[in-house]
Amino acid sequence: MRLNELKDKSGAKKDRMRVGRGIGSGKGKTAGRGHKGAKSRSGYVVKGFEGGQMPIHMRLPKRGFTMLNGRVYGEVNIGRLQKAIDAGKLDAKKPIDEDVLVAAGVARKEKDGVRLLGKGAITSKVTITVAGASKAAVAAVEKAGGSVTLTAPVKSEEKTSGDA
């Protein structure tokens, strides 16, 4: 048997139904689309349309707020940082900044910088320069003998009551 002699078993392939080819075919005239209405016409694509009823995305309450110029940080936990140091991906003796974290594969920098978070434990003495850090992360790094430098501007404690 050769490759050019191969063929499917009978019944393995079924011809597609050709619609709109006369009433004798069984799928003529309306071609299985019924009579009238948007679905019977070509180009029917009304996403979310519920027949004139208020669509669900408009009925449900809207919550929250998205800041248009808000910053989005890549997050790195101190436990993940310690794992990378133990694995030899990061050198604790050299200063660690965002570019070093990205090169080591610890953080992804397609955002506005890296923020250090306090989940996990750190035992190595490290000098870290990042855009932001939680109080718990700064405390844990300083407890281990290291230091954290922030590059992003720190929010000032502003009074919310009217001082006019």
N, C-alpha and C. Protein backbone atom coordinates (compact mmCIF):
# COMPACT_ATOMS: atom_id res chain seq x y z
N MET A 1 0.84 -1.19 0.00
CA MET A 1 0.00 0.00 0.00
C MET A 1 0.88 1.24 0.00
N ARG A 2 0.50 2.19 -0.82
CA ARG A 2 1.26 3.44 -0.92
C ARG A 2 0.41 4.60 -0.41
N LEU A 3 1.06 5.76 -0.20
CA LEU A 3 0.36 6.93 0.33
C LEU A 3 -0.76 7.38 -0.59
N ASN A 4 -0.55 7.26 -1.90
CA ASN A 4 -1.59 7.71 -2.82
C ASN A 4 -2.77 6.75 -2.90
N GLU A 5 -2.65 5.59 -2.24
CA GLU A 5 -3.73 4.62 -2.24
C GLU A 5 -4.59 4.71 -0.98
N LEU A 6 -4.18 5.56 -0.02
CA LEU A 6 -4.94 5.70 1.22
C LEU A 6 -6.23 6.47 0.99
N LYS A 7 -7.31 6.01 1.61
CA LYS A 7 -8.56 6.77 1.57
C LYS A 7 -9.41 6.40 2.78
N ASP A 8 -10.33 7.32 3.15
CA ASP A 8 -11.20 7.11 4.30
C ASP A 8 -12.14 5.95 4.04
N LYS A 9 -12.63 5.36 5.17
CA LYS A 9 -13.65 4.32 5.05
C LYS A 9 -14.95 4.97 4.59
N SER A 10 -15.82 4.20 3.99
CA SER A 10 -17.07 4.77 3.52
C SER A 10 -17.91 5.20 4.72
N GLY A 11 -18.45 6.43 4.67
CA GLY A 11 -19.24 6.97 5.77
C GLY A 11 -18.43 7.81 6.74
N ALA A 12 -17.09 7.81 6.61
CA ALA A 12 -16.25 8.58 7.52
C ALA A 12 -16.35 10.08 7.22
N LYS A 13 -16.52 10.43 5.97
CA LYS A 13 -16.64 11.83 5.57
C LYS A 13 -18.07 12.10 5.14
N LYS A 14 -18.63 13.20 5.65
CA LYS A 14 -20.00 13.56 5.29
C LYS A 14 -19.95 14.88 4.55
N ASP A 15 -20.62 14.96 3.41
CA ASP A 15 -20.66 16.19 2.63
C ASP A 15 -21.45 17.25 3.41
N ARG A 16 -21.02 18.51 3.30
CA ARG A 16 -21.71 19.58 4.01
C ARG A 16 -23.05 19.85 3.33
N MET A 17 -24.01 20.32 4.14
CA MET A 17 -25.33 20.64 3.61
C MET A 17 -25.26 21.97 2.87
N ARG A 18 -25.65 21.98 1.60
CA ARG A 18 -25.67 23.21 0.80
C ARG A 18 -27.06 23.81 0.92
N VAL A 19 -27.14 24.93 1.68
CA VAL A 19 -28.44 25.53 1.95
C VAL A 19 -28.81 26.52 0.85
N GLY A 20 -30.10 26.75 0.72
CA GLY A 20 -30.59 27.73 -0.25
C GLY A 20 -30.44 27.27 -1.69
N ARG A 21 -30.62 25.98 -1.95
CA ARG A 21 -30.45 25.46 -3.30
C ARG A 21 -31.74 24.79 -3.80
N GLY A 22 -32.86 25.41 -3.54
CA GLY A 22 -34.13 24.90 -4.07
C GLY A 22 -34.90 24.10 -3.04
N ILE A 23 -36.25 24.07 -3.19
CA ILE A 23 -37.09 23.41 -2.19
C ILE A 23 -36.89 21.89 -2.15
N GLY A 24 -36.44 21.31 -3.22
CA GLY A 24 -36.24 19.86 -3.26
C GLY A 24 -35.09 19.39 -2.38
N SER A 25 -34.20 20.30 -2.04
CA SER A 25 -33.04 19.90 -1.23
C SER A 25 -33.38 19.72 0.24
N GLY A 26 -34.52 20.27 0.67
CA GLY A 26 -34.88 20.20 2.08
C GLY A 26 -34.38 21.39 2.88
N LYS A 27 -33.46 22.17 2.31
CA LYS A 27 -32.97 23.37 2.98
C LYS A 27 -33.01 24.54 2.01
N GLY A 28 -34.08 24.63 1.25
CA GLY A 28 -34.19 25.71 0.28
C GLY A 28 -34.95 26.89 0.86
N LYS A 29 -35.29 27.83 0.03
CA LYS A 29 -36.04 29.03 0.38
C LYS A 29 -35.43 29.78 1.54
N THR A 30 -35.83 29.48 2.79
CA THR A 30 -35.29 30.24 3.93
C THR A 30 -33.97 29.67 4.44
N ALA A 31 -33.54 28.57 3.92
CA ALA A 31 -32.24 27.96 4.25
C ALA A 31 -32.08 27.67 5.74
N GLY A 32 -33.17 27.23 6.39
CA GLY A 32 -33.08 26.84 7.79
C GLY A 32 -33.06 28.00 8.76
N ARG A 33 -33.30 29.24 8.25
CA ARG A 33 -33.25 30.42 9.13
C ARG A 33 -34.63 30.86 9.60
N GLY A 34 -35.68 30.22 9.18
CA GLY A 34 -37.01 30.63 9.57
C GLY A 34 -37.47 31.84 8.76
N HIS A 35 -38.51 32.51 9.24
CA HIS A 35 -39.07 33.64 8.51
C HIS A 35 -38.81 34.95 9.22
N LYS A 36 -38.35 35.95 8.51
CA LYS A 36 -38.15 37.32 9.00
C LYS A 36 -37.28 37.40 10.26
N GLY A 37 -37.20 38.58 10.82
CA GLY A 37 -36.43 38.78 12.05
C GLY A 37 -34.94 38.96 11.78
N ALA A 38 -34.24 39.50 12.78
CA ALA A 38 -32.83 39.81 12.62
C ALA A 38 -31.99 38.57 12.32
N LYS A 39 -32.35 37.44 12.94
CA LYS A 39 -31.54 36.23 12.75
C LYS A 39 -31.64 35.67 11.34
N SER A 40 -32.68 36.03 10.62
CA SER A 40 -32.82 35.51 9.26
C SER A 40 -32.00 36.32 8.26
N ARG A 41 -31.55 37.49 8.66
CA ARG A 41 -30.82 38.37 7.75
C ARG A 41 -29.32 38.13 7.86
N SER A 42 -28.61 38.50 6.80
CA SER A 42 -27.16 38.33 6.86
C SER A 42 -26.55 39.42 7.72
N GLY A 43 -25.44 39.11 8.37
CA GLY A 43 -24.75 40.08 9.20
C GLY A 43 -25.37 40.26 10.57
N TYR A 44 -26.11 39.27 11.07
CA TYR A 44 -26.72 39.38 12.39
C TYR A 44 -25.66 39.21 13.46
N VAL A 45 -25.36 40.29 14.20
CA VAL A 45 -24.35 40.22 15.26
C VAL A 45 -24.66 41.17 16.38
N VAL A 46 -25.76 41.20 17.02
CA VAL A 46 -25.99 42.20 18.05
C VAL A 46 -25.59 41.59 19.39
N LYS A 47 -24.36 41.84 19.81
CA LYS A 47 -23.86 41.27 21.06
C LYS A 47 -24.54 41.97 22.24
N GLY A 48 -25.06 41.19 23.16
CA GLY A 48 -25.69 41.76 24.34
C GLY A 48 -27.11 42.24 24.12
N PHE A 49 -27.63 42.13 22.90
CA PHE A 49 -29.00 42.59 22.63
C PHE A 49 -29.99 41.57 23.14
N GLU A 50 -31.00 42.02 23.90
CA GLU A 50 -31.97 41.11 24.50
C GLU A 50 -33.38 41.40 24.01
N GLY A 51 -33.53 41.70 22.73
CA GLY A 51 -34.85 41.88 22.16
C GLY A 51 -35.57 43.10 22.65
N GLY A 52 -34.85 44.16 22.96
CA GLY A 52 -35.48 45.38 23.42
C GLY A 52 -35.52 45.49 24.93
N GLN A 53 -35.40 44.35 25.64
CA GLN A 53 -35.30 44.38 27.10
C GLN A 53 -33.97 45.01 27.48
N MET A 54 -33.91 45.67 28.63
CA MET A 54 -32.66 46.29 29.07
C MET A 54 -31.60 45.19 29.27
N PRO A 55 -30.48 45.26 28.56
CA PRO A 55 -29.47 44.20 28.65
C PRO A 55 -28.89 44.06 30.05
N ILE A 56 -28.42 42.86 30.37
CA ILE A 56 -27.97 42.57 31.73
C ILE A 56 -26.80 43.45 32.15
N HIS A 57 -25.93 43.80 31.22
CA HIS A 57 -24.78 44.63 31.59
C HIS A 57 -25.20 46.04 31.94
N MET A 58 -26.42 46.44 31.53
CA MET A 58 -26.94 47.75 31.90
C MET A 58 -27.83 47.66 33.14
N ARG A 59 -28.39 46.47 33.40
CA ARG A 59 -29.26 46.29 34.57
C ARG A 59 -28.47 46.16 35.86
N LEU A 60 -27.29 45.56 35.78
CA LEU A 60 -26.50 45.30 36.99
C LEU A 60 -25.88 46.59 37.51
N PRO A 61 -25.75 46.72 38.85
CA PRO A 61 -25.16 47.94 39.41
C PRO A 61 -23.67 48.02 39.11
N LYS A 62 -23.21 49.23 38.89
CA LYS A 62 -21.79 49.44 38.61
C LYS A 62 -21.08 49.74 39.93
N ARG A 63 -19.92 49.15 40.13
CA ARG A 63 -19.18 49.35 41.38
C ARG A 63 -17.75 49.73 41.07
N GLY A 64 -17.16 50.47 42.00
CA GLY A 64 -15.74 50.75 41.91
C GLY A 64 -15.41 51.92 41.01
N PHE A 65 -14.11 52.10 40.85
CA PHE A 65 -13.59 53.24 40.10
C PHE A 65 -12.24 52.86 39.52
N THR A 66 -11.99 53.20 38.28
CA THR A 66 -10.70 52.96 37.66
C THR A 66 -10.04 54.29 37.37
N MET A 67 -8.90 54.52 38.00
CA MET A 67 -8.20 55.77 37.78
C MET A 67 -7.56 55.76 36.40
N LEU A 68 -7.82 56.78 35.62
CA LEU A 68 -7.29 56.81 34.26
C LEU A 68 -5.78 56.96 34.25
N ASN A 69 -5.23 57.74 35.19
CA ASN A 69 -3.78 57.93 35.22
C ASN A 69 -3.15 57.25 36.44
N GLY A 70 -3.83 56.22 36.98
CA GLY A 70 -3.30 55.49 38.13
C GLY A 70 -2.09 54.65 37.75
N ARG A 71 -1.24 54.39 38.71
CA ARG A 71 -0.04 53.58 38.47
C ARG A 71 -0.32 52.11 38.77
N VAL A 72 0.22 51.23 37.94
CA VAL A 72 0.08 49.79 38.13
C VAL A 72 1.48 49.23 38.33
N TYR A 73 1.71 48.64 39.50
CA TYR A 73 3.04 48.13 39.83
C TYR A 73 3.09 46.61 39.70
N GLY A 74 4.26 46.11 39.29
CA GLY A 74 4.53 44.69 39.35
C GLY A 74 4.85 44.37 40.79
N GLU A 75 4.32 43.27 41.32
CA GLU A 75 4.47 42.97 42.74
C GLU A 75 5.50 41.87 42.96
N VAL A 76 6.35 42.06 43.97
CA VAL A 76 7.34 41.05 44.36
C VAL A 76 7.28 40.91 45.87
N ASN A 77 7.05 39.70 46.35
CA ASN A 77 7.05 39.45 47.79
C ASN A 77 8.47 39.18 48.25
N ILE A 78 8.74 39.49 49.54
CA ILE A 78 10.11 39.31 50.04
C ILE A 78 10.47 37.82 50.11
N GLY A 79 9.47 36.96 50.26
CA GLY A 79 9.72 35.52 50.25
C GLY A 79 10.24 35.07 48.89
N ARG A 80 9.68 35.63 47.82
CA ARG A 80 10.12 35.32 46.44
C ARG A 80 11.53 35.85 46.21
N LEU A 81 11.82 37.01 46.80
CA LEU A 81 13.15 37.60 46.70
C LEU A 81 14.18 36.69 47.37
N GLN A 82 13.84 36.16 48.56
CA GLN A 82 14.75 35.27 49.29
C GLN A 82 14.98 33.97 48.51
N LYS A 83 13.93 33.45 47.89
CA LYS A 83 14.07 32.22 47.07
C LYS A 83 15.05 32.45 45.93
N ALA A 84 14.95 33.62 45.27
CA ALA A 84 15.84 33.93 44.15
C ALA A 84 17.28 34.07 44.63
N ILE A 85 17.48 34.62 45.82
CA ILE A 85 18.83 34.75 46.39
C ILE A 85 19.39 33.37 46.71
N ASP A 86 18.56 32.51 47.31
CA ASP A 86 19.00 31.14 47.65
C ASP A 86 19.32 30.33 46.40
N ALA A 87 18.57 30.57 45.31
CA ALA A 87 18.79 29.84 44.06
C ALA A 87 19.98 30.37 43.27
N GLY A 88 20.52 31.52 43.68
CA GLY A 88 21.68 32.10 43.00
C GLY A 88 21.30 33.00 41.84
N LYS A 89 20.03 33.31 41.68
CA LYS A 89 19.60 34.21 40.61
C LYS A 89 19.92 35.66 40.94
N LEU A 90 19.93 36.00 42.23
CA LEU A 90 20.26 37.34 42.69
C LEU A 90 21.45 37.29 43.63
N ASP A 91 22.29 38.32 43.56
CA ASP A 91 23.43 38.43 44.46
C ASP A 91 23.07 39.42 45.56
N ALA A 92 23.03 38.95 46.81
CA ALA A 92 22.61 39.80 47.93
C ALA A 92 23.64 40.87 48.26
N LYS A 93 24.88 40.66 47.85
CA LYS A 93 25.94 41.64 48.17
C LYS A 93 25.87 42.87 47.28
N LYS A 94 25.34 42.70 46.06
CA LYS A 94 25.20 43.82 45.12
C LYS A 94 23.85 44.50 45.32
N PRO A 95 23.76 45.80 44.99
CA PRO A 95 22.46 46.48 45.09
C PRO A 95 21.45 45.89 44.10
N ILE A 96 20.23 45.74 44.56
CA ILE A 96 19.17 45.16 43.73
C ILE A 96 18.19 46.26 43.35
N ASP A 97 17.98 46.44 42.04
CA ASP A 97 16.99 47.40 41.57
C ASP A 97 16.01 46.69 40.64
N GLU A 98 15.11 47.46 40.04
CA GLU A 98 14.05 46.86 39.21
C GLU A 98 14.62 46.12 38.00
N ASP A 99 15.66 46.67 37.37
CA ASP A 99 16.25 46.02 36.19
C ASP A 99 16.87 44.68 36.55
N VAL A 100 17.50 44.60 37.72
CA VAL A 100 18.11 43.35 38.19
C VAL A 100 17.02 42.32 38.47
N LEU A 101 15.92 42.76 39.08
CA LEU A 101 14.81 41.86 39.37
C LEU A 101 14.19 41.30 38.08
N VAL A 102 14.06 42.14 37.06
CA VAL A 102 13.50 41.70 35.79
C VAL A 102 14.45 40.74 35.09
N ALA A 103 15.75 41.05 35.11
CA ALA A 103 16.74 40.19 34.47
C ALA A 103 16.80 38.81 35.14
N ALA A 104 16.57 38.76 36.45
CA ALA A 104 16.60 37.49 37.18
C ALA A 104 15.29 36.72 37.03
N GLY A 105 14.27 37.36 36.46
CA GLY A 105 12.99 36.70 36.27
C GLY A 105 12.10 36.73 37.50
N VAL A 106 12.45 37.57 38.48
CA VAL A 106 11.66 37.68 39.70
C VAL A 106 10.45 38.58 39.48
N ALA A 107 10.63 39.64 38.68
CA ALA A 107 9.54 40.58 38.40
C ALA A 107 9.38 40.76 36.90
N ARG A 108 8.18 41.19 36.51
CA ARG A 108 7.93 41.53 35.11
C ARG A 108 7.71 43.02 35.04
N LYS A 109 8.48 43.71 34.21
CA LYS A 109 8.41 45.17 34.20
C LYS A 109 7.74 45.70 32.94
N GLU A 110 6.49 45.30 32.73
CA GLU A 110 5.75 45.93 31.65
C GLU A 110 4.81 46.95 32.27
N LYS A 111 5.05 47.29 33.52
CA LYS A 111 4.16 48.19 34.25
C LYS A 111 4.92 49.44 34.66
N ASP A 112 4.43 50.13 35.71
CA ASP A 112 5.03 51.39 36.13
C ASP A 112 6.13 51.22 37.17
N GLY A 113 6.66 50.04 37.32
CA GLY A 113 7.71 49.80 38.30
C GLY A 113 7.38 48.58 39.13
N VAL A 114 8.19 48.36 40.17
CA VAL A 114 8.03 47.19 41.03
C VAL A 114 7.72 47.65 42.45
N ARG A 115 6.78 46.95 43.08
CA ARG A 115 6.42 47.24 44.47
C ARG A 115 6.76 46.02 45.31
N LEU A 116 7.46 46.23 46.41
CA LEU A 116 7.89 45.16 47.31
C LEU A 116 6.82 44.94 48.37
N LEU A 117 6.39 43.68 48.52
CA LEU A 117 5.35 43.35 49.48
C LEU A 117 5.90 42.42 50.56
N GLY A 118 5.24 42.37 51.71
CA GLY A 118 5.79 41.73 52.90
C GLY A 118 5.46 40.27 53.11
N LYS A 119 4.93 39.56 52.14
CA LYS A 119 4.60 38.15 52.34
C LYS A 119 5.87 37.30 52.31
N GLY A 120 6.02 36.42 53.27
CA GLY A 120 7.20 35.58 53.35
C GLY A 120 8.21 36.15 54.33
N ALA A 121 9.41 35.57 54.31
CA ALA A 121 10.47 36.01 55.22
C ALA A 121 11.76 36.21 54.44
N ILE A 122 12.58 37.15 54.90
CA ILE A 122 13.87 37.39 54.26
C ILE A 122 14.95 37.34 55.33
N THR A 123 16.04 36.66 55.01
CA THR A 123 17.14 36.52 55.98
C THR A 123 18.41 37.18 55.48
N SER A 124 18.49 37.46 54.18
CA SER A 124 19.69 38.04 53.61
C SER A 124 19.71 39.55 53.79
N LYS A 125 20.91 40.10 53.96
CA LYS A 125 21.09 41.55 54.05
C LYS A 125 21.17 42.09 52.63
N VAL A 126 20.15 42.82 52.21
CA VAL A 126 20.09 43.31 50.83
C VAL A 126 19.83 44.81 50.78
N THR A 127 20.29 45.43 49.70
CA THR A 127 20.00 46.84 49.42
C THR A 127 19.11 46.88 48.19
N ILE A 128 17.86 47.31 48.38
CA ILE A 128 16.88 47.24 47.31
C ILE A 128 16.41 48.65 46.93
N THR A 129 16.33 48.90 45.62
CA THR A 129 15.77 50.15 45.11
C THR A 129 14.56 49.81 44.24
N VAL A 130 13.35 50.18 44.72
CA VAL A 130 12.12 49.88 44.00
C VAL A 130 11.21 51.10 43.99
N ALA A 131 10.16 51.04 43.19
CA ALA A 131 9.22 52.16 43.07
C ALA A 131 8.36 52.30 44.31
N GLY A 132 8.03 51.19 44.96
CA GLY A 132 7.18 51.25 46.14
C GLY A 132 7.40 50.03 47.01
N ALA A 133 7.02 50.15 48.28
CA ALA A 133 7.16 49.03 49.22
C ALA A 133 6.15 49.20 50.33
N SER A 134 5.63 48.07 50.83
CA SER A 134 4.71 48.12 51.96
C SER A 134 5.52 48.31 53.24
N LYS A 135 4.84 48.79 54.29
CA LYS A 135 5.53 49.01 55.56
C LYS A 135 6.08 47.71 56.12
N ALA A 136 5.34 46.62 55.96
CA ALA A 136 5.76 45.31 56.46
C ALA A 136 7.02 44.84 55.73
N ALA A 137 7.09 45.09 54.42
CA ALA A 137 8.26 44.68 53.64
C ALA A 137 9.49 45.47 54.05
N VAL A 138 9.33 46.78 54.23
CA VAL A 138 10.46 47.62 54.65
C VAL A 138 10.95 47.19 56.02
N ALA A 139 10.01 46.92 56.94
CA ALA A 139 10.38 46.49 58.29
C ALA A 139 11.14 45.16 58.26
N ALA A 140 10.68 44.21 57.42
CA ALA A 140 11.32 42.89 57.35
C ALA A 140 12.73 42.99 56.77
N VAL A 141 12.92 43.82 55.74
CA VAL A 141 14.24 43.98 55.12
C VAL A 141 15.20 44.67 56.10
N GLU A 142 14.72 45.69 56.79
CA GLU A 142 15.56 46.40 57.76
C GLU A 142 15.89 45.53 58.96
N LYS A 143 14.97 44.65 59.34
CA LYS A 143 15.22 43.72 60.45
C LYS A 143 16.33 42.73 60.08
N ALA A 144 16.41 42.37 58.79
CA ALA A 144 17.46 41.46 58.32
C ALA A 144 18.78 42.18 58.11
N GLY A 145 18.81 43.52 58.30
CA GLY A 145 20.04 44.28 58.17
C GLY A 145 20.19 45.00 56.84
N GLY A 146 19.17 44.97 56.02
CA GLY A 146 19.23 45.60 54.71
C GLY A 146 18.56 46.96 54.71
N SER A 147 18.39 47.51 53.49
CA SER A 147 17.74 48.81 53.35
C SER A 147 16.90 48.84 52.09
N VAL A 148 15.84 49.66 52.12
CA VAL A 148 14.94 49.81 50.97
C VAL A 148 14.92 51.28 50.58
N THR A 149 15.19 51.57 49.29
CA THR A 149 15.12 52.93 48.76
C THR A 149 13.96 53.00 47.79
N LEU A 150 13.10 54.01 47.95
CA LEU A 150 11.94 54.15 47.09
C LEU A 150 12.19 55.22 46.03
N THR A 151 11.85 54.91 44.78
CA THR A 151 12.05 55.87 43.69
C THR A 151 10.79 56.66 43.40
N ALA A 152 9.62 56.08 43.68
CA ALA A 152 8.35 56.77 43.43
C ALA A 152 8.12 57.80 44.52
N PRO A 153 7.44 58.91 44.21
CA PRO A 153 7.17 59.90 45.24
C PRO A 153 6.26 59.33 46.32
N VAL A 154 6.59 59.61 47.58
CA VAL A 154 5.80 59.11 48.71
C VAL A 154 4.60 60.02 48.88
N LYS A 155 3.42 59.42 49.10
CA LYS A 155 2.21 60.20 49.31
C LYS A 155 2.32 60.96 50.62
N SER A 156 1.99 62.25 50.60
CA SER A 156 2.02 63.03 51.83
C SER A 156 0.70 62.84 52.57
N GLU A 157 0.76 62.91 53.88
CA GLU A 157 -0.43 62.75 54.70
C GLU A 157 -1.25 64.03 54.62
N GLU A 158 -2.25 64.06 53.75
CA GLU A 158 -3.06 65.24 53.58
C GLU A 158 -4.32 65.12 54.41
N LYS A 159 -4.80 66.26 54.89
CA LYS A 159 -6.04 66.26 55.68
C LYS A 159 -7.21 66.23 54.71
N THR A 160 -8.19 65.38 55.04
CA THR A 160 -9.34 65.25 54.16
C THR A 160 -10.44 66.25 54.51
N SER A 161 -10.41 66.81 55.71
CA SER A 161 -11.43 67.77 56.07
C SER A 161 -11.12 69.13 55.44
N GLY A 162 -12.13 69.94 55.24
CA GLY A 162 -11.95 71.24 54.59
C GLY A 162 -11.24 72.23 55.51
N ASP A 163 -10.06 72.71 55.10
CA ASP A 163 -9.29 73.65 55.89
C ASP A 163 -9.37 75.06 55.31
N ALA A 164 -10.47 75.42 54.73
CA ALA A 164 -10.57 76.72 54.07
C ALA A 164 -11.01 77.82 54.95
